[in-house]
Amino acid sequence: MRADYPNLRQTIAALTEGETDAVALMATVACEVHHADDRFDWTGFYRVTAPQVLKIGPYQGGHGCLVIPFSRGVCGAAARTGEAQLVADVEAFPDHIACAASTRSELVLPVRDGAGALIGVFDIDSDQPDAFDQGDATALQAILQQVFGRL
């Protein structure tokens, strides 16, 4: 099953309407996105908790890394550059952090509040190689902007 992004966006908008707590919003988004697509093996947020530091936030799936510096891995690259990271083969990504041995591909998107400040990254891992495309990145970035842009 592949995500029906227009429907997912509507569902998340309805569930998060009026909510202003970032962690509550992250929990809801992680749950809804995770269950929307069979490719998504681990779905969650890493929050900016100190300068150049990400800590695990709400997620769905097996355990994740607790702390990721901006200087390491796919999540760190998304936080450091402010750009989506679409990785077809995590083994080929320099300095990939293997939080789960089953991860084969990854999509990580920066998450910004309404003022444009980076508040975290949204990380989706797949146990399938080359599981994500630009359409996934674009649709998910729009959902993140809709939800977190009002904070």
C-alpha atoms as a PDB file:
ATOM      1  CA  MET A   1       0.000   0.000   0.000  1.00  0.00           C
ATOM      2  CA  ARG A   2       1.340   3.412  -0.981  1.00  0.00           C
ATOM      3  CA  ALA A   3       0.408   6.606   0.822  1.00  0.00           C
ATOM      4  CA  ASP A   4      -2.582   8.535  -0.501  1.00  0.00           C
ATOM      5  CA  TYR A   5      -0.992  11.895   0.246  1.00  0.00           C
ATOM      6  CA  PRO A   6      -4.042  14.131  -0.390  1.00  0.00           C
ATOM      7  CA  ASN A   7      -6.117  11.999   1.998  1.00  0.00           C
ATOM      8  CA  LEU A   8      -3.255  11.789   4.511  1.00  0.00           C
ATOM      9  CA  ARG A   9      -2.865  15.566   4.454  1.00  0.00           C
ATOM     10  CA  GLN A  10      -6.607  16.033   5.125  1.00  0.00           C
ATOM     11  CA  THR A  11      -6.587  13.493   7.947  1.00  0.00           C
ATOM     12  CA  ILE A  12      -3.564  15.053   9.645  1.00  0.00           C
ATOM     13  CA  ALA A  13      -5.038  18.552   9.253  1.00  0.00           C
ATOM     14  CA  ALA A  14      -8.255  17.432  10.949  1.00  0.00           C
ATOM     15  CA  LEU A  15      -6.436  15.626  13.777  1.00  0.00           C
ATOM     16  CA  THR A  16      -4.048  18.493  14.514  1.00  0.00           C
ATOM     17  CA  GLU A  17      -6.405  21.438  14.101  1.00  0.00           C
ATOM     18  CA  GLY A  18      -5.917  23.927  16.938  1.00  0.00           C
ATOM     19  CA  GLU A  19      -3.040  22.017  18.561  1.00  0.00           C
ATOM     20  CA  THR A  20       0.058  24.082  19.353  1.00  0.00           C
ATOM     21  CA  ASP A  21       2.205  21.613  21.313  1.00  0.00           C
ATOM     22  CA  ALA A  22       5.063  20.498  19.059  1.00  0.00           C
ATOM     23  CA  VAL A  23       5.472  17.075  20.703  1.00  0.00           C
ATOM     24  CA  ALA A  24       1.759  16.289  20.421  1.00  0.00           C
ATOM     25  CA  LEU A  25       1.862  17.303  16.771  1.00  0.00           C
ATOM     26  CA  MET A  26       4.949  15.169  16.145  1.00  0.00           C
ATOM     27  CA  ALA A  27       3.334  12.129  17.775  1.00  0.00           C
ATOM     28  CA  THR A  28       0.234  12.458  15.614  1.00  0.00           C
ATOM     29  CA  VAL A  29       2.144  13.019  12.366  1.00  0.00           C
ATOM     30  CA  ALA A  30       4.533  10.115  13.056  1.00  0.00           C
ATOM     31  CA  CYS A  31       1.646   7.732  13.731  1.00  0.00           C
ATOM     32  CA  GLU A  32      -0.463   8.728  10.742  1.00  0.00           C
ATOM     33  CA  VAL A  33       2.417   8.751   8.256  1.00  0.00           C
ATOM     34  CA  HIS A  34       3.863   5.469   9.539  1.00  0.00           C
ATOM     35  CA  HIS A  35       0.616   3.581   9.023  1.00  0.00           C
ATOM     36  CA  ALA A  36      -0.101   5.167   5.623  1.00  0.00           C
ATOM     37  CA  ASP A  37       2.500   3.279   3.586  1.00  0.00           C
ATOM     38  CA  ASP A  38       3.982  -0.233   3.666  1.00  0.00           C
ATOM     39  CA  ARG A  39       7.407   1.119   2.693  1.00  0.00           C
ATOM     40  CA  PHE A  40       7.727   3.029   5.970  1.00  0.00           C
ATOM     41  CA  ASP A  41       9.593   0.826   8.471  1.00  0.00           C
ATOM     42  CA  TRP A  42      10.544   3.542  11.004  1.00  0.00           C
ATOM     43  CA  THR A  43       8.910   6.952  11.082  1.00  0.00           C
ATOM     44  CA  GLY A  44       9.707   9.686  13.547  1.00  0.00           C
ATOM     45  CA  PHE A  45      11.161  12.960  14.627  1.00  0.00           C
ATOM     46  CA  TYR A  46      14.499  14.072  15.961  1.00  0.00           C
ATOM     47  CA  ARG A  47      14.133  17.367  17.827  1.00  0.00           C
ATOM     48  CA  VAL A  48      16.676  20.183  18.063  1.00  0.00           C
ATOM     49  CA  THR A  49      17.366  20.250  21.816  1.00  0.00           C
ATOM     50  CA  ALA A  50      20.674  22.144  21.929  1.00  0.00           C
ATOM     51  CA  PRO A  51      22.929  23.840  19.390  1.00  0.00           C
ATOM     52  CA  GLN A  52      23.903  21.277  16.724  1.00  0.00           C
ATOM     53  CA  VAL A  53      22.164  18.419  18.596  1.00  0.00           C
ATOM     54  CA  LEU A  54      19.142  16.297  17.694  1.00  0.00           C
ATOM     55  CA  LYS A  55      17.405  14.055  20.238  1.00  0.00           C
ATOM     56  CA  ILE A  56      14.804  11.451  19.501  1.00  0.00           C
ATOM     57  CA  GLY A  57      11.201  12.558  19.608  1.00  0.00           C
ATOM     58  CA  PRO A  58       7.912  10.792  18.942  1.00  0.00           C
ATOM     59  CA  TYR A  59       8.244   7.853  16.545  1.00  0.00           C
ATOM     60  CA  GLN A  60       6.728   4.587  15.317  1.00  0.00           C
ATOM     61  CA  GLY A  61       8.785   1.440  14.793  1.00  0.00           C
ATOM     62  CA  GLY A  62      11.726  -0.142  16.595  1.00  0.00           C
ATOM     63  CA  HIS A  63      14.118   1.822  18.772  1.00  0.00           C
ATOM     64  CA  GLY A  64      15.998   4.753  17.291  1.00  0.00           C
ATOM     65  CA  CYS A  65      19.244   6.497  18.100  1.00  0.00           C
ATOM     66  CA  LEU A  66      18.835   8.738  21.142  1.00  0.00           C
ATOM     67  CA  VAL A  67      21.197  11.557  20.132  1.00  0.00           C
ATOM     68  CA  ILE A  68      22.433  12.590  16.684  1.00  0.00           C
ATOM     69  CA  PRO A  69      24.840  15.500  16.213  1.00  0.00           C
ATOM     70  CA  PHE A  70      24.265  17.751  13.184  1.00  0.00           C
ATOM     71  CA  SER A  71      27.711  16.613  11.986  1.00  0.00           C
ATOM     72  CA  ARG A  72      26.731  12.938  11.534  1.00  0.00           C
ATOM     73  CA  GLY A  73      24.446  10.803   9.427  1.00  0.00           C
ATOM     74  CA  VAL A  74      21.469  11.484   7.201  1.00  0.00           C
ATOM     75  CA  CYS A  75      19.470  13.229   9.945  1.00  0.00           C
ATOM     76  CA  GLY A  76      22.440  15.415  10.791  1.00  0.00           C
ATOM     77  CA  ALA A  77      22.857  16.329   7.116  1.00  0.00           C
ATOM     78  CA  ALA A  78      19.190  17.393   6.867  1.00  0.00           C
ATOM     79  CA  ALA A  79      19.536  19.520  10.008  1.00  0.00           C
ATOM     80  CA  ARG A  80      22.902  20.988   8.967  1.00  0.00           C
ATOM     81  CA  THR A  81      21.928  21.866   5.375  1.00  0.00           C
ATOM     82  CA  GLY A  82      18.214  22.540   5.871  1.00  0.00           C
ATOM     83  CA  GLU A  83      17.557  20.386   2.801  1.00  0.00           C
ATOM     84  CA  ALA A  84      15.690  17.118   2.262  1.00  0.00           C
ATOM     85  CA  GLN A  85      17.907  14.042   2.201  1.00  0.00           C
ATOM     86  CA  LEU A  86      16.673  11.364  -0.197  1.00  0.00           C
ATOM     87  CA  VAL A  87      18.987   8.368   0.213  1.00  0.00           C
ATOM     88  CA  ALA A  88      18.418   5.349  -2.047  1.00  0.00           C
ATOM     89  CA  ASP A  89      21.133   3.243  -0.356  1.00  0.00           C
ATOM     90  CA  VAL A  90      22.141   4.123   3.198  1.00  0.00           C
ATOM     91  CA  GLU A  91      25.317   2.024   2.901  1.00  0.00           C
ATOM     92  CA  ALA A  92      26.545   4.427   0.219  1.00  0.00           C
ATOM     93  CA  PHE A  93      25.880   7.530   2.356  1.00  0.00           C
ATOM     94  CA  PRO A  94      29.090   8.812   3.959  1.00  0.00           C
ATOM     95  CA  ASP A  95      28.897   8.649   7.759  1.00  0.00           C
ATOM     96  CA  HIS A  96      25.504   6.919   7.844  1.00  0.00           C
ATOM     97  CA  ILE A  97      24.482   6.052  11.411  1.00  0.00           C
ATOM     98  CA  ALA A  98      22.962   2.575  11.558  1.00  0.00           C
ATOM     99  CA  CYS A  99      20.317   2.876  14.248  1.00  0.00           C
ATOM    100  CA  ALA A 100      18.646  -0.237  12.814  1.00  0.00           C
ATOM    101  CA  ALA A 101      20.425  -2.880  10.748  1.00  0.00           C
ATOM    102  CA  SER A 102      17.290  -3.387   8.616  1.00  0.00           C
ATOM    103  CA  THR A 103      17.341   0.154   7.147  1.00  0.00           C
ATOM    104  CA  ARG A 104      18.156   0.169   3.429  1.00  0.00           C
ATOM    105  CA  SER A 105      16.920   3.621   2.309  1.00  0.00           C
ATOM    106  CA  GLU A 106      15.947   6.826   4.048  1.00  0.00           C
ATOM    107  CA  LEU A 107      14.106  10.115   3.601  1.00  0.00           C
ATOM    108  CA  VAL A 108      14.799  12.927   6.066  1.00  0.00           C
ATOM    109  CA  LEU A 109      13.073  16.313   5.920  1.00  0.00           C
ATOM    110  CA  PRO A 110      13.820  19.458   7.922  1.00  0.00           C
ATOM    111  CA  VAL A 111      10.961  20.661  10.143  1.00  0.00           C
ATOM    112  CA  ARG A 112      10.535  24.413  10.641  1.00  0.00           C
ATOM    113  CA  ASP A 113       8.175  26.489  12.744  1.00  0.00           C
ATOM    114  CA  GLY A 114       6.233  29.492  11.450  1.00  0.00           C
ATOM    115  CA  ALA A 115       9.238  31.789  11.970  1.00  0.00           C
ATOM    116  CA  GLY A 116      11.406  29.496   9.860  1.00  0.00           C
ATOM    117  CA  ALA A 117      13.459  28.167  12.779  1.00  0.00           C
ATOM    118  CA  LEU A 118      14.583  24.545  12.539  1.00  0.00           C
ATOM    119  CA  ILE A 119      12.804  22.585  15.288  1.00  0.00           C
ATOM    120  CA  GLY A 120      13.789  19.113  14.137  1.00  0.00           C
ATOM    121  CA  VAL A 121      13.876  16.625  11.299  1.00  0.00           C
ATOM    122  CA  PHE A 122      11.327  14.053  10.166  1.00  0.00           C
ATOM    123  CA  ASP A 123      12.997  10.732   9.425  1.00  0.00           C
ATOM    124  CA  ILE A 124      11.476   7.851   7.485  1.00  0.00           C
ATOM    125  CA  ASP A 125      13.436   4.630   7.081  1.00  0.00           C
ATOM    126  CA  SER A 126      12.585   1.732   4.803  1.00  0.00           C
ATOM    127  CA  ASP A 127      13.785  -1.855   4.804  1.00  0.00           C
ATOM    128  CA  GLN A 128      13.539  -1.674   0.986  1.00  0.00           C
ATOM    129  CA  PRO A 129      16.289  -0.169  -1.177  1.00  0.00           C
ATOM    130  CA  ASP A 130      15.441   2.981  -3.147  1.00  0.00           C
ATOM    131  CA  ALA A 131      12.008   3.168  -1.492  1.00  0.00           C
ATOM    132  CA  PHE A 132      11.460   6.934  -1.761  1.00  0.00           C
ATOM    133  CA  ASP A 133      11.221   9.465  -4.557  1.00  0.00           C
ATOM    134  CA  GLN A 134      10.894  13.214  -4.928  1.00  0.00           C
ATOM    135  CA  GLY A 135       7.098  12.883  -4.904  1.00  0.00           C
ATOM    136  CA  ASP A 136       7.266  11.473  -1.368  1.00  0.00           C
ATOM    137  CA  ALA A 137       9.577  14.274  -0.267  1.00  0.00           C
ATOM    138  CA  THR A 138       7.394  16.998  -1.776  1.00  0.00           C
ATOM    139  CA  ALA A 139       4.126  15.641  -0.362  1.00  0.00           C
ATOM    140  CA  LEU A 140       5.538  15.066   3.113  1.00  0.00           C
ATOM    141  CA  GLN A 141       7.245  18.472   3.202  1.00  0.00           C
ATOM    142  CA  ALA A 142       3.859  20.077   2.430  1.00  0.00           C
ATOM    143  CA  ILE A 143       2.273  18.184   5.333  1.00  0.00           C
ATOM    144  CA  LEU A 144       5.070  19.242   7.692  1.00  0.00           C
ATOM    145  CA  GLN A 145       4.720  22.878   6.615  1.00  0.00           C
ATOM    146  CA  GLN A 146       0.955  22.745   7.111  1.00  0.00           C
ATOM    147  CA  VAL A 147       1.282  21.323  10.629  1.00  0.00           C
ATOM    148  CA  PHE A 148       4.389  23.000  12.043  1.00  0.00           C
ATOM    149  CA  GLY A 149       4.275  26.263  10.097  1.00  0.00           C
ATOM    150  CA  ARG A 150       1.611  27.544  12.461  1.00  0.00           C
ATOM    151  CA  LEU A 151       3.821  27.188  15.570  1.00  0.00           C
END
